[in-house]
Amino acid sequence: MTIELRGTLVLVGAGKMGGAMLEGWLRSGADSDKLVTLDPSPSSEVKKVIEKHGVRWNPPISSIGNAQVILIAVKPQIMEEVLPSIIPLARSKPLIISVAAGKTIASFERHFGNTAAIIRTIPNTPAAVGRGITALAVNANVSPAQLQLARTLLSAIGEVVTVPDEGMIDAATAVSGSGPAYVFYLTECLAAAGAKAGLPADLAMQLARTTVAGAGELMRMSSEPPAALRQNVTSPKGTTHAALQVLMGENGMQPLFDRAIAEATRRSRELAS
């Protein structure tokens, strides 16, 4: 999907997520002359991308004209320090996109005004390899054209879904925003269990890591639901069946995940309050 801009796209924060987005936009054909990056100390990798493509880096705010989109990808802890410096860009009535966890649409409206078009999103770390998924919520000022542009920009790092109510962002954060950490921990646990069963630790980790990665890719490529894929590899009374009797038991994975997602959702709401 080609990115076409009529004005300037301002990226505020070029860390891992912002850097991944910048690379994705450039791969998708965005005009580097219409891109601006604001970050006092981007990583060396991002700096190379900026220099290679001639993206403007930290120009005076007063020199940035016709800001069409401001995408804010700074840590929530420094958000209140950063936003005042970019408020002058609001004169061109840009679309504001936030990728900061825990910052509500209302918190941006306090800075940019109640008429500002604001989209709150929660991406996840597989964005770094173009396999992320981003959930987004919009305020009433976002036009259909702006929403489509936001989806195009975010599609550069993976899939995009829209939640009908901002309150659902907290649950989306718990499932997909934090979800990669659960998968990484599952890999750790699988490898540790293999080592306890007698495998050398490095071999157990190789088996676990490649199995999790391969299963994920199979699920991505398949049109079948996860339950069907699970059933496909579960022979009656076989080894997989024996293990699933434990994992799907009364005290197995589902109630554990229910509690984990509920706790992450609660914490997301707490951070946003």
Protein backbone atom coordinates (compact mmCIF):
# COMPACT_ATOMS: atom_id res chain seq x y z
CA MET A 1 0.00 0.00 0.00
CA THR A 2 1.65 3.24 -1.15
CA ILE A 3 1.74 6.16 1.28
CA GLU A 4 0.78 9.44 -0.36
CA LEU A 5 1.04 12.65 1.65
CA ARG A 6 -0.20 16.12 0.73
CA GLY A 7 1.50 17.73 3.73
CA THR A 8 4.22 16.90 6.26
CA LEU A 9 4.29 13.78 8.41
CA VAL A 10 6.01 14.57 11.71
CA LEU A 11 7.35 11.64 13.73
CA VAL A 12 7.89 12.61 17.37
CA GLY A 13 10.11 9.96 18.93
CA ALA A 14 12.32 7.62 16.89
CA GLY A 15 12.87 4.76 19.30
CA LYS A 16 12.22 1.12 18.42
CA MET A 17 8.56 1.65 17.50
CA GLY A 18 8.99 5.05 15.85
CA GLY A 19 12.05 3.82 13.97
CA ALA A 20 10.19 0.74 12.72
CA MET A 21 7.39 2.98 11.47
CA LEU A 22 9.79 5.33 9.72
CA GLU A 23 11.44 2.43 7.89
CA GLY A 24 8.03 1.01 6.99
CA TRP A 25 6.84 4.33 5.56
CA LEU A 26 9.94 4.68 3.42
CA ARG A 27 9.57 1.10 2.16
CA SER A 28 5.96 1.93 1.27
CA GLY A 29 7.01 4.81 -0.93
CA ALA A 30 6.50 7.81 1.35
CA ASP A 31 8.23 10.93 0.00
CA SER A 32 11.19 11.53 2.34
CA ASP A 33 10.93 15.27 1.64
CA LYS A 34 7.59 15.21 3.46
CA LEU A 35 8.92 13.42 6.54
CA VAL A 36 10.29 15.07 9.66
CA THR A 37 11.76 13.24 12.67
CA LEU A 38 11.95 14.90 16.07
CA ASP A 39 14.16 13.03 18.53
CA PRO A 40 17.19 14.33 20.41
CA SER A 41 18.99 10.97 20.36
CA PRO A 42 17.72 8.32 17.92
CA SER A 43 19.54 5.00 17.77
CA SER A 44 22.45 4.65 15.37
CA GLU A 45 20.31 2.39 13.15
CA VAL A 46 17.54 4.97 12.87
CA LYS A 47 20.07 7.73 12.33
CA LYS A 48 21.45 5.81 9.35
CA VAL A 49 17.94 5.56 7.88
CA ILE A 50 17.40 9.29 8.40
CA GLU A 51 20.70 10.15 6.72
CA LYS A 52 20.31 7.63 3.90
CA HIS A 53 16.92 8.97 2.84
CA GLY A 54 17.51 12.63 3.64
CA VAL A 55 14.71 12.83 6.20
CA ARG A 56 14.69 16.15 8.05
CA TRP A 57 15.87 15.64 11.61
CA ASN A 58 15.14 18.05 14.47
CA PRO A 59 14.52 21.17 12.38
CA PRO A 60 13.14 24.23 14.21
CA ILE A 61 9.45 23.70 14.91
CA SER A 62 8.72 27.07 13.27
CA SER A 63 10.20 25.75 9.98
CA ILE A 64 7.78 22.82 9.72
CA GLY A 65 4.92 23.87 7.50
CA ASN A 66 1.62 22.22 6.67
CA ALA A 67 1.81 19.38 9.20
CA GLN A 68 -0.72 16.82 7.96
CA VAL A 69 -0.01 14.15 10.57
CA ILE A 70 1.81 14.19 13.90
CA LEU A 71 2.61 10.68 15.10
CA ILE A 72 3.72 10.70 18.73
CA ALA A 73 5.84 7.72 19.74
CA VAL A 74 7.52 8.87 22.96
CA LYS A 75 7.38 7.14 26.33
CA PRO A 76 4.29 8.03 28.40
CA GLN A 77 6.53 9.19 31.26
CA ILE A 78 7.94 12.10 29.22
CA MET A 79 4.81 12.90 27.23
CA GLU A 80 3.93 15.99 29.27
CA GLU A 81 7.43 17.37 28.74
CA VAL A 82 7.38 16.79 24.98
CA LEU A 83 3.90 17.91 23.94
CA PRO A 84 4.18 21.64 24.74
CA SER A 85 7.09 21.98 22.30
CA ILE A 86 5.04 20.69 19.35
CA ILE A 87 1.77 22.51 20.05
CA PRO A 88 2.63 25.19 17.42
CA LEU A 89 2.26 22.47 14.75
CA ALA A 90 -1.47 22.35 15.54
CA ARG A 91 -2.01 25.51 13.52
CA SER A 92 -2.39 23.41 10.37
CA LYS A 93 -5.03 21.19 12.04
CA PRO A 94 -3.13 17.90 11.66
CA LEU A 95 -4.25 14.41 12.51
CA ILE A 96 -2.71 13.44 15.87
CA ILE A 97 -1.80 9.75 16.26
CA SER A 98 -0.54 8.46 19.59
CA VAL A 99 1.26 5.15 20.06
CA ALA A 100 1.86 5.76 23.78
CA ALA A 101 0.36 3.23 26.20
CA GLY A 102 -1.93 4.59 28.88
CA LYS A 103 -2.47 8.04 27.35
CA THR A 104 -6.15 8.69 26.61
CA ILE A 105 -7.64 10.70 23.79
CA ALA A 106 -8.82 13.20 26.41
CA SER A 107 -5.24 13.77 27.57
CA PHE A 108 -4.28 14.86 24.04
CA GLU A 109 -7.41 16.98 23.68
CA ARG A 110 -6.25 18.94 26.73
CA HIS A 111 -3.14 19.92 24.78
CA PHE A 112 -4.41 20.20 21.21
CA GLY A 113 -7.99 21.29 21.87
CA ASN A 114 -11.43 19.68 21.67
CA THR A 115 -11.62 20.15 17.90
CA ALA A 116 -8.39 18.23 17.20
CA ALA A 117 -8.59 14.96 15.25
CA ILE A 118 -6.97 12.36 17.51
CA ILE A 119 -6.35 8.63 17.16
CA ARG A 120 -5.12 6.52 20.07
CA THR A 121 -3.35 3.30 19.15
CA ILE A 122 -1.61 0.36 20.77
CA PRO A 123 0.88 -1.45 18.51
CA ASN A 124 3.17 -4.28 19.58
CA THR A 125 6.84 -5.16 19.24
CA PRO A 126 6.61 -7.55 16.23
CA ALA A 127 6.22 -4.27 14.33
CA ALA A 128 10.02 -4.32 14.23
CA VAL A 129 9.83 -7.15 11.66
CA GLY A 130 6.64 -5.98 9.94
CA ARG A 131 4.48 -8.53 11.78
CA GLY A 132 2.83 -6.28 14.35
CA ILE A 133 -0.82 -5.59 14.94
CA THR A 134 -2.17 -2.21 15.99
CA ALA A 135 -5.53 -1.54 17.61
CA LEU A 136 -6.85 2.00 17.26
CA ALA A 137 -9.64 4.19 18.60
CA VAL A 138 -10.69 7.58 17.20
CA ASN A 139 -12.41 10.69 18.49
CA ALA A 140 -15.38 12.29 16.78
CA ASN A 141 -13.22 14.78 14.87
CA VAL A 142 -11.39 12.19 12.76
CA SER A 143 -12.66 12.19 9.18
CA PRO A 144 -12.99 9.02 7.07
CA ALA A 145 -10.04 10.19 4.96
CA GLN A 146 -7.90 10.71 8.06
CA LEU A 147 -8.83 7.29 9.41
CA GLN A 148 -7.86 5.71 6.10
CA LEU A 149 -4.54 7.55 6.11
CA ALA A 150 -3.86 6.38 9.67
CA ARG A 151 -4.62 2.79 8.71
CA THR A 152 -2.25 3.10 5.75
CA LEU A 153 0.55 4.50 7.92
CA LEU A 154 0.11 1.84 10.59
CA SER A 155 -0.17 -0.95 8.00
CA ALA A 156 3.50 -0.35 7.24
CA ILE A 157 4.32 -2.32 10.41
CA GLY A 158 1.61 -5.00 10.28
CA GLU A 159 -2.13 -5.46 10.60
CA VAL A 160 -4.54 -2.78 11.84
CA VAL A 161 -7.86 -3.15 13.64
CA THR A 162 -10.31 -0.52 14.86
CA VAL A 163 -12.07 -0.87 18.19
CA PRO A 164 -15.53 0.75 18.38
CA ASP A 165 -14.94 2.23 21.82
CA GLU A 166 -11.78 3.68 23.37
CA GLY A 167 -12.45 1.68 26.54
CA MET A 168 -11.59 -1.48 24.60
CA ILE A 169 -8.02 -0.26 24.08
CA ASP A 170 -7.17 -1.45 27.59
CA ALA A 171 -8.21 -5.02 26.79
CA ALA A 172 -6.43 -4.80 23.42
CA THR A 173 -3.32 -3.65 25.27
CA ALA A 174 -3.58 -6.69 27.54
CA VAL A 175 -3.99 -9.12 24.62
CA SER A 176 -1.81 -7.80 21.79
CA GLY A 177 0.22 -4.95 23.26
CA SER A 178 1.61 -7.09 26.05
CA GLY A 179 0.99 -10.39 24.26
CA PRO A 180 4.45 -10.87 22.74
CA ALA A 181 5.91 -11.06 26.26
CA TYR A 182 3.53 -13.92 27.07
CA VAL A 183 4.71 -15.82 23.98
CA PHE A 184 8.35 -15.22 24.88
CA TYR A 185 7.69 -16.47 28.40
CA LEU A 186 5.86 -19.52 27.01
CA THR A 187 9.04 -20.26 25.04
CA GLU A 188 11.13 -19.93 28.19
CA CYS A 189 8.81 -22.29 30.08
CA LEU A 190 8.72 -24.84 27.26
CA ALA A 191 12.52 -24.88 27.08
CA ALA A 192 12.87 -25.14 30.86
CA ALA A 193 10.44 -28.07 30.97
CA GLY A 194 12.37 -29.78 28.19
CA ALA A 195 15.60 -29.39 30.15
CA LYS A 196 13.93 -30.88 33.23
CA ALA A 197 12.86 -33.83 31.07
CA GLY A 198 16.51 -34.54 30.25
CA LEU A 199 17.40 -32.42 27.21
CA PRO A 200 20.55 -30.26 27.19
CA ALA A 201 19.43 -26.69 27.96
CA ASP A 202 20.66 -25.21 24.67
CA LEU A 203 18.96 -27.94 22.65
CA ALA A 204 15.74 -27.53 24.63
CA MET A 205 15.77 -23.79 23.89
CA GLN A 206 16.42 -24.36 20.17
CA LEU A 207 13.53 -26.82 19.99
CA ALA A 208 11.19 -24.53 21.92
CA ARG A 209 12.12 -21.33 20.11
CA THR A 210 11.84 -22.78 16.62
CA THR A 211 8.64 -24.62 17.48
CA VAL A 212 6.93 -21.46 18.76
CA ALA A 213 8.12 -19.40 15.79
CA GLY A 214 7.08 -22.09 13.31
CA ALA A 215 3.68 -22.62 14.90
CA GLY A 216 3.07 -18.88 14.79
CA GLU A 217 3.95 -18.71 11.11
CA LEU A 218 1.75 -21.73 10.36
CA MET A 219 -1.15 -20.06 12.16
CA ARG A 220 -0.55 -16.83 10.23
CA MET A 221 -0.52 -18.62 6.89
CA SER A 222 -3.46 -20.94 7.58
CA SER A 223 -7.13 -20.09 7.13
CA GLU A 224 -8.06 -22.59 9.84
CA PRO A 225 -8.82 -21.38 13.37
CA PRO A 226 -6.26 -22.14 16.11
CA ALA A 227 -8.55 -24.79 17.60
CA ALA A 228 -8.55 -26.71 14.31
CA LEU A 229 -4.77 -26.47 14.03
CA ARG A 230 -4.48 -27.82 17.56
CA GLN A 231 -6.79 -30.71 16.78
CA ASN A 232 -4.81 -31.49 13.62
CA VAL A 233 -1.71 -32.34 15.67
CA THR A 234 -3.53 -34.11 18.52
CA SER A 235 -3.81 -37.87 18.06
CA PRO A 236 -6.26 -39.63 20.40
CA LYS A 237 -4.41 -40.98 23.43
CA GLY A 238 -1.09 -39.75 22.00
CA THR A 239 1.63 -37.60 23.53
CA THR A 240 0.05 -34.28 22.56
CA HIS A 241 -3.27 -35.41 23.98
CA ALA A 242 -1.57 -36.33 27.26
CA ALA A 243 0.02 -32.89 27.57
CA LEU A 244 -3.19 -31.07 26.64
CA GLN A 245 -5.06 -32.91 29.37
CA VAL A 246 -2.87 -30.93 31.77
CA LEU A 247 -2.81 -27.61 29.87
CA MET A 248 -6.58 -27.64 29.27
CA GLY A 249 -7.47 -28.90 32.74
CA GLU A 250 -9.37 -27.06 35.44
CA ASN A 251 -6.23 -25.28 36.62
CA GLY A 252 -4.62 -25.09 33.20
CA MET A 253 -3.85 -22.28 30.81
CA GLN A 254 -7.32 -20.77 30.23
CA PRO A 255 -8.06 -19.72 33.82
CA LEU A 256 -4.46 -18.55 34.14
CA PHE A 257 -4.76 -16.39 31.03
CA ASP A 258 -8.15 -15.11 32.19
CA ARG A 259 -6.52 -13.81 35.35
CA ALA A 260 -3.46 -12.46 33.53
CA ILE A 261 -5.47 -10.53 30.92
CA ALA A 262 -7.81 -9.16 33.58
CA GLU A 263 -4.84 -7.91 35.58
CA ALA A 264 -3.15 -6.33 32.56
CA THR A 265 -6.44 -4.65 31.56
CA ARG A 266 -6.85 -3.31 35.09
CA ARG A 267 -3.33 -1.91 35.06
CA SER A 268 -3.84 -0.28 31.66
CA ARG A 269 -6.93 1.51 32.98
CA GLU A 270 -5.02 2.53 36.09
CA LEU A 271 -2.22 4.05 34.01
CA ALA A 272 -4.75 5.96 31.90
CA SER A 273 -6.55 7.48 34.90
